[in-house]
C-alpha atoms as a PDB file:
ATOM      1  CA  MET A   1     177.815   8.112 103.268  1.00  0.00           C
ATOM      2  CA  THR A   2     178.852   9.745 106.524  1.00  0.00           C
ATOM      3  CA  GLU A   3     177.043  12.925 107.439  1.00  0.00           C
ATOM      4  CA  ASN A   4     179.148  15.497 109.238  1.00  0.00           C
ATOM      5  CA  LYS A   5     176.865  17.434 111.614  1.00  0.00           C
ATOM      6  CA  LYS A   6     177.983  20.436 113.630  1.00  0.00           C
ATOM      7  CA  SER A   7     176.706  21.008 117.093  1.00  0.00           C
ATOM      8  CA  PRO A   8     174.210  23.881 117.351  1.00  0.00           C
ATOM      9  CA  THR A   9     176.525  25.639 119.819  1.00  0.00           C
ATOM     10  CA  LYS A  10     179.488  25.433 117.472  1.00  0.00           C
ATOM     11  CA  ALA A  11     177.335  26.739 114.595  1.00  0.00           C
ATOM     12  CA  LEU A  12     176.270  29.734 116.733  1.00  0.00           C
ATOM     13  CA  PHE A  13     179.869  30.618 117.597  1.00  0.00           C
ATOM     14  CA  GLU A  14     180.949  30.259 113.968  1.00  0.00           C
ATOM     15  CA  THR A  15     178.108  32.538 112.890  1.00  0.00           C
ATOM     16  CA  LEU A  16     179.054  35.158 115.485  1.00  0.00           C
ATOM     17  CA  ALA A  17     182.710  34.982 114.391  1.00  0.00           C
ATOM     18  CA  LYS A  18     181.650  35.432 110.747  1.00  0.00           C
ATOM     19  CA  LEU A  19     179.456  38.415 111.681  1.00  0.00           C
ATOM     20  CA  TYR A  20     182.356  40.120 113.465  1.00  0.00           C
ATOM     21  CA  LYS A  21     184.728  39.346 110.591  1.00  0.00           C
ATOM     22  CA  GLN A  22     182.280  40.918 108.144  1.00  0.00           C
ATOM     23  CA  GLY A  23     182.004  43.934 110.461  1.00  0.00           C
ATOM     24  CA  GLN A  24     185.799  44.252 110.490  1.00  0.00           C
ATOM     25  CA  LEU A  25     185.934  44.081 106.697  1.00  0.00           C
ATOM     26  CA  LEU A  26     183.161  46.705 106.392  1.00  0.00           C
ATOM     27  CA  LEU A  27     185.032  49.117 108.672  1.00  0.00           C
ATOM     28  CA  MET A  28     188.333  48.515 106.886  1.00  0.00           C
ATOM     29  CA  ASP A  29     186.570  49.182 103.590  1.00  0.00           C
ATOM     30  CA  SER A  30     185.133  52.330 105.140  1.00  0.00           C
ATOM     31  CA  ASP A  31     188.686  53.397 106.082  1.00  0.00           C
ATOM     32  CA  ARG A  32     189.788  52.908 102.478  1.00  0.00           C
ATOM     33  CA  LEU A  33     186.815  54.759 100.972  1.00  0.00           C
ATOM     34  CA  MET A  34     187.069  57.632 103.437  1.00  0.00           C
ATOM     35  CA  GLY A  35     190.836  57.830 102.859  1.00  0.00           C
ATOM     36  CA  GLU A  36     190.275  58.212  99.123  1.00  0.00           C
ATOM     37  CA  ARG A  37     188.282  61.351  99.933  1.00  0.00           C
ATOM     38  CA  GLY A  38     190.781  62.872 102.383  1.00  0.00           C
ATOM     39  CA  TRP A  39     189.554  61.468 105.721  1.00  0.00           C
ATOM     40  CA  GLU A  40     191.749  59.359 107.989  1.00  0.00           C
ATOM     41  CA  PRO A  41     190.801  57.177 110.971  1.00  0.00           C
ATOM     42  CA  MET A  42     191.599  58.645 114.375  1.00  0.00           C
ATOM     43  CA  HIS A  43     192.232  55.388 116.261  1.00  0.00           C
ATOM     44  CA  THR A  44     192.652  51.656 115.768  1.00  0.00           C
ATOM     45  CA  THR A  45     190.018  50.342 118.173  1.00  0.00           C
ATOM     46  CA  ALA A  46     186.484  49.332 117.302  1.00  0.00           C
ATOM     47  CA  PRO A  47     184.294  47.856 120.096  1.00  0.00           C
ATOM     48  CA  ALA A  48     183.784  49.246 123.577  1.00  0.00           C
ATOM     49  CA  GLU A  49     181.702  48.855 126.749  1.00  0.00           C
ATOM     50  CA  PHE A  50     182.185  45.157 127.442  1.00  0.00           C
ATOM     51  CA  SER A  51     181.135  43.752 130.797  1.00  0.00           C
ATOM     52  CA  TYR A  52     183.052  41.315 132.954  1.00  0.00           C
ATOM     53  CA  SER A  53     180.072  40.750 135.217  1.00  0.00           C
ATOM     54  CA  LEU A  54     178.542  37.306 135.458  1.00  0.00           C
ATOM     55  CA  ASN A  55     175.185  39.090 135.775  1.00  0.00           C
ATOM     56  CA  SER A  56     175.447  40.850 132.374  1.00  0.00           C
ATOM     57  CA  PRO A  57     176.058  38.150 129.735  1.00  0.00           C
ATOM     58  CA  GLU A  58     174.360  40.297 127.076  1.00  0.00           C
ATOM     59  CA  ARG A  59     177.333  42.679 127.415  1.00  0.00           C
ATOM     60  CA  TRP A  60     180.052  40.032 126.980  1.00  0.00           C
ATOM     61  CA  TYR A  61     180.033  40.490 123.212  1.00  0.00           C
ATOM     62  CA  ALA A  62     180.339  43.548 120.977  1.00  0.00           C
ATOM     63  CA  ARG A  63     176.968  45.184 120.482  1.00  0.00           C
ATOM     64  CA  TRP A  64     178.433  48.007 118.400  1.00  0.00           C
ATOM     65  CA  VAL A  65     181.706  49.035 116.771  1.00  0.00           C
ATOM     66  CA  CYS A  66     182.810  52.379 115.354  1.00  0.00           C
ATOM     67  CA  ARG A  67     185.444  54.333 113.463  1.00  0.00           C
ATOM     68  CA  PHE A  68     185.937  58.097 113.725  1.00  0.00           C
ATOM     69  CA  TYR A  69     187.600  60.156 110.977  1.00  0.00           C
ATOM     70  CA  ARG A  70     189.429  63.464 110.806  1.00  0.00           C
ATOM     71  CA  HIS A  71     190.099  65.341 107.571  1.00  0.00           C
ATOM     72  CA  LYS A  72     193.756  65.356 106.502  1.00  0.00           C
ATOM     73  CA  ASP A  73     193.524  69.119 105.941  1.00  0.00           C
ATOM     74  CA  GLU A  74     193.684  70.540 109.477  1.00  0.00           C
ATOM     75  CA  SER A  75     191.770  73.655 108.415  1.00  0.00           C
ATOM     76  CA  LYS A  76     188.693  71.403 108.091  1.00  0.00           C
ATOM     77  CA  THR A  77     188.784  69.939 111.579  1.00  0.00           C
ATOM     78  CA  GLY A  78     185.635  71.641 112.808  1.00  0.00           C
ATOM     79  CA  GLN A  79     183.999  68.262 112.475  1.00  0.00           C
ATOM     80  CA  ILE A  80     184.628  64.583 112.969  1.00  0.00           C
ATOM     81  CA  LEU A  81     182.861  61.958 110.870  1.00  0.00           C
ATOM     82  CA  PHE A  82     182.070  58.402 111.899  1.00  0.00           C
ATOM     83  CA  VAL A  83     180.865  55.068 110.589  1.00  0.00           C
ATOM     84  CA  SER A  84     179.566  52.465 113.028  1.00  0.00           C
ATOM     85  CA  ILE A  85     177.773  49.144 113.113  1.00  0.00           C
ATOM     86  CA  HIS A  86     175.133  48.411 115.750  1.00  0.00           C
ATOM     87  CA  PHE A  87     174.677  44.639 116.013  1.00  0.00           C
ATOM     88  CA  ALA A  88     172.342  44.519 119.014  1.00  0.00           C
ATOM     89  CA  SER A  89     170.587  46.607 121.652  1.00  0.00           C
ATOM     90  CA  ASP A  90     172.623  48.144 124.416  1.00  0.00           C
ATOM     91  CA  HIS A  91     171.685  49.584 127.810  1.00  0.00           C
ATOM     92  CA  ASP A  92     170.603  52.840 126.119  1.00  0.00           C
ATOM     93  CA  THR A  93     169.650  51.776 122.576  1.00  0.00           C
ATOM     94  CA  GLU A  94     167.063  49.536 120.919  1.00  0.00           C
ATOM     95  CA  VAL A  95     168.290  47.676 117.838  1.00  0.00           C
ATOM     96  CA  ASP A  96     165.739  45.360 116.213  1.00  0.00           C
ATOM     97  CA  GLU A  97     167.973  44.559 113.241  1.00  0.00           C
ATOM     98  CA  PRO A  98     171.678  45.389 112.832  1.00  0.00           C
ATOM     99  CA  VAL A  99     172.339  48.792 111.249  1.00  0.00           C
ATOM    100  CA  VAL A 100     175.226  50.780 109.840  1.00  0.00           C
ATOM    101  CA  SER A 101     175.184  54.315 111.177  1.00  0.00           C
ATOM    102  CA  ALA A 102     177.192  57.274 109.918  1.00  0.00           C
ATOM    103  CA  GLY A 103     177.316  60.861 110.966  1.00  0.00           C
ATOM    104  CA  ARG A 104     179.075  64.105 111.779  1.00  0.00           C
ATOM    105  CA  LEU A 105     180.127  65.710 115.029  1.00  0.00           C
ATOM    106  CA  LEU A 106     180.003  69.462 114.389  1.00  0.00           C
ATOM    107  CA  TYR A 107     181.966  71.877 116.586  1.00  0.00           C
ATOM    108  CA  GLU A 108     181.564  75.586 117.361  1.00  0.00           C
ATOM    109  CA  LYS A 109     185.188  76.380 116.581  1.00  0.00           C
ATOM    110  CA  LEU A 110     187.776  74.925 114.273  1.00  0.00           C
ATOM    111  CA  THR A 111     190.314  73.137 116.367  1.00  0.00           C
ATOM    112  CA  ALA A 112     193.082  70.672 115.584  1.00  0.00           C
ATOM    113  CA  ASP A 113     191.859  68.212 118.197  1.00  0.00           C
ATOM    114  CA  PRO A 114     188.114  68.414 118.863  1.00  0.00           C
ATOM    115  CA  GLY A 115     186.945  66.195 121.684  1.00  0.00           C
ATOM    116  CA  TYR A 116     184.733  63.200 121.121  1.00  0.00           C
ATOM    117  CA  GLU A 117     183.738  60.044 122.910  1.00  0.00           C
ATOM    118  CA  TYR A 118     183.366  56.620 121.300  1.00  0.00           C
ATOM    119  CA  TRP A 119     179.707  56.297 122.394  1.00  0.00           C
ATOM    120  CA  MET A 120     178.722  59.298 120.232  1.00  0.00           C
ATOM    121  CA  CYS A 121     178.202  56.895 117.337  1.00  0.00           C
ATOM    122  CA  LYS A 122     175.038  55.833 119.205  1.00  0.00           C
ATOM    123  CA  SER A 123     173.570  59.300 118.570  1.00  0.00           C
ATOM    124  CA  THR A 124     171.622  57.862 115.659  1.00  0.00           C
ATOM    125  CA  PHE A 125     169.143  56.600 118.268  1.00  0.00           C
ATOM    126  CA  TYR A 126     168.618  60.068 119.792  1.00  0.00           C
ATOM    127  CA  GLY A 127     167.662  63.549 118.746  1.00  0.00           C
ATOM    128  CA  GLU A 128     165.057  64.825 116.362  1.00  0.00           C
ATOM    129  CA  HIS A 129     164.365  64.356 112.667  1.00  0.00           C
ATOM    130  CA  HIS A 130     166.668  66.625 110.681  1.00  0.00           C
ATOM    131  CA  LYS A 131     164.809  69.545 109.097  1.00  0.00           C
ATOM    132  CA  THR A 132     166.768  69.611 105.823  1.00  0.00           C
ATOM    133  CA  LEU A 133     168.398  66.191 105.426  1.00  0.00           C
ATOM    134  CA  GLU A 134     165.975  63.402 104.587  1.00  0.00           C
ATOM    135  CA  ASP A 135     166.167  60.362 106.892  1.00  0.00           C
ATOM    136  CA  TRP A 136     168.823  61.991 109.102  1.00  0.00           C
ATOM    137  CA  GLN A 137     168.630  62.628 112.845  1.00  0.00           C
ATOM    138  CA  CYS A 138     170.138  65.645 114.578  1.00  0.00           C
ATOM    139  CA  TRP A 139     170.946  66.352 118.177  1.00  0.00           C
ATOM    140  CA  ASP A 140     171.602  70.008 118.992  1.00  0.00           C
ATOM    141  CA  ASN A 141     173.927  70.953 121.847  1.00  0.00           C
ATOM    142  CA  PRO A 142     174.369  67.473 123.339  1.00  0.00           C
ATOM    143  CA  GLY A 143     176.464  69.163 126.058  1.00  0.00           C
ATOM    144  CA  TRP A 144     178.975  66.461 126.980  1.00  0.00           C
ATOM    145  CA  VAL A 145     181.921  67.764 124.988  1.00  0.00           C
ATOM    146  CA  LYS A 146     183.177  71.338 124.957  1.00  0.00           C
ATOM    147  CA  ASN A 147     182.370  73.201 121.726  1.00  0.00           C
ATOM    148  CA  LEU A 148     180.214  70.352 120.327  1.00  0.00           C
ATOM    149  CA  LYS A 149     177.218  72.097 118.801  1.00  0.00           C
ATOM    150  CA  ARG A 150     175.475  69.299 116.890  1.00  0.00           C
ATOM    151  CA  ILE A 151     175.521  65.642 115.960  1.00  0.00           C
ATOM    152  CA  GLU A 152     173.915  64.627 112.651  1.00  0.00           C
ATOM    153  CA  THR A 153     173.425  60.948 111.785  1.00  0.00           C
ATOM    154  CA  PHE A 154     171.624  58.460 109.579  1.00  0.00           C
ATOM    155  CA  ARG A 155     171.390  54.689 109.481  1.00  0.00           C
ATOM    156  CA  VAL A 156     171.031  51.928 106.930  1.00  0.00           C
ATOM    157  CA  PRO A 157     170.087  48.292 107.613  1.00  0.00           C
ATOM    158  CA  LEU A 158     173.292  46.232 107.748  1.00  0.00           C
ATOM    159  CA  TYR A 159     171.717  43.641 105.460  1.00  0.00           C
ATOM    160  CA  GLU A 160     171.569  46.219 102.636  1.00  0.00           C
ATOM    161  CA  VAL A 161     175.349  46.789 102.739  1.00  0.00           C
ATOM    162  CA  THR A 162     176.303  43.711 100.737  1.00  0.00           C
ATOM    163  CA  SER A 163     179.450  44.934  98.956  1.00  0.00           C
ATOM    164  CA  SER A 164     182.028  47.688  98.811  1.00  0.00           C
ATOM    165  CA  GLU A 165     179.936  49.392  96.144  1.00  0.00           C
ATOM    166  CA  LYS A 166     176.861  49.323  98.408  1.00  0.00           C
ATOM    167  CA  LEU A 167     178.890  50.695 101.334  1.00  0.00           C
ATOM    168  CA  LYS A 168     180.090  53.524  99.101  1.00  0.00           C
ATOM    169  CA  GLU A 169     176.614  54.239  97.711  1.00  0.00           C
ATOM    170  CA  LEU A 170     174.483  53.878 100.847  1.00  0.00           C
ATOM    171  CA  VAL A 171     176.864  55.183 103.513  1.00  0.00           C
ATOM    172  CA  ILE A 172     180.089  56.907 102.430  1.00  0.00           C
ATOM    173  CA  ASP A 173     178.757  58.929  99.479  1.00  0.00           C
ATOM    174  CA  ARG A 174     175.699  59.965 101.472  1.00  0.00           C
ATOM    175  CA  LEU A 175     177.829  61.047 104.437  1.00  0.00           C
ATOM    176  CA  LEU A 176     180.367  62.964 102.368  1.00  0.00           C
ATOM    177  CA  ALA A 177     177.791  64.569 100.037  1.00  0.00           C
ATOM    178  CA  VAL A 178     176.585  66.770 102.919  1.00  0.00           C
ATOM    179  CA  GLN A 179     180.154  67.717 103.805  1.00  0.00           C
ATOM    180  CA  GLU A 180     181.084  68.521 100.204  1.00  0.00           C
ATOM    181  CA  GLN A 181     177.882  70.520  99.627  1.00  0.00           C
ATOM    182  CA  GLU A 182     178.707  72.701 102.644  1.00  0.00           C
ATOM    183  CA  GLU A 183     182.228  73.314 101.341  1.00  0.00           C
ATOM    184  CA  ARG A 184     180.853  74.423  97.946  1.00  0.00           C
ATOM    185  CA  SER A 185     178.384  76.779  99.673  1.00  0.00           C
ATOM    186  CA  ALA A 186     181.021  78.376 101.894  1.00  0.00           C
END
């Protein structure tokens, strides 16, 4: 019997490709689940902040990817929601194990086009513990975007998000429950 062995290098690249494919599928599933609840993605890109420097090989691959969402009803555009995956540490974050992060960018005024920057999905690594939302972080007045008053985020280990149902339960429902509770209170 002939044994077909892969080289360790090839196995590493195949594993990385599978990880990114699973990340793509998770974000596409997030788009579908958010869309079912009235939220649409704001762009078609996912990773950012690559390096072309020979001296920064740790930045040649995606360390994080994100999707930002706007509500279809323009009267509710005082906030932007996001779902992101953090695969590895970055120059300003420490990631021991990959995580899925989700959160809200909350603005002072309702506006049809609130500003945001793709790196804001990394806010889950900053700020203080949220006073009313268990296991959430908050960052008051981050100051980089006009009218941005607060960023609220939480994270879940990527390894716990094993299916569409788990994504819905652990990330999407948890993210939208806060939003929907605020709408009922208003």
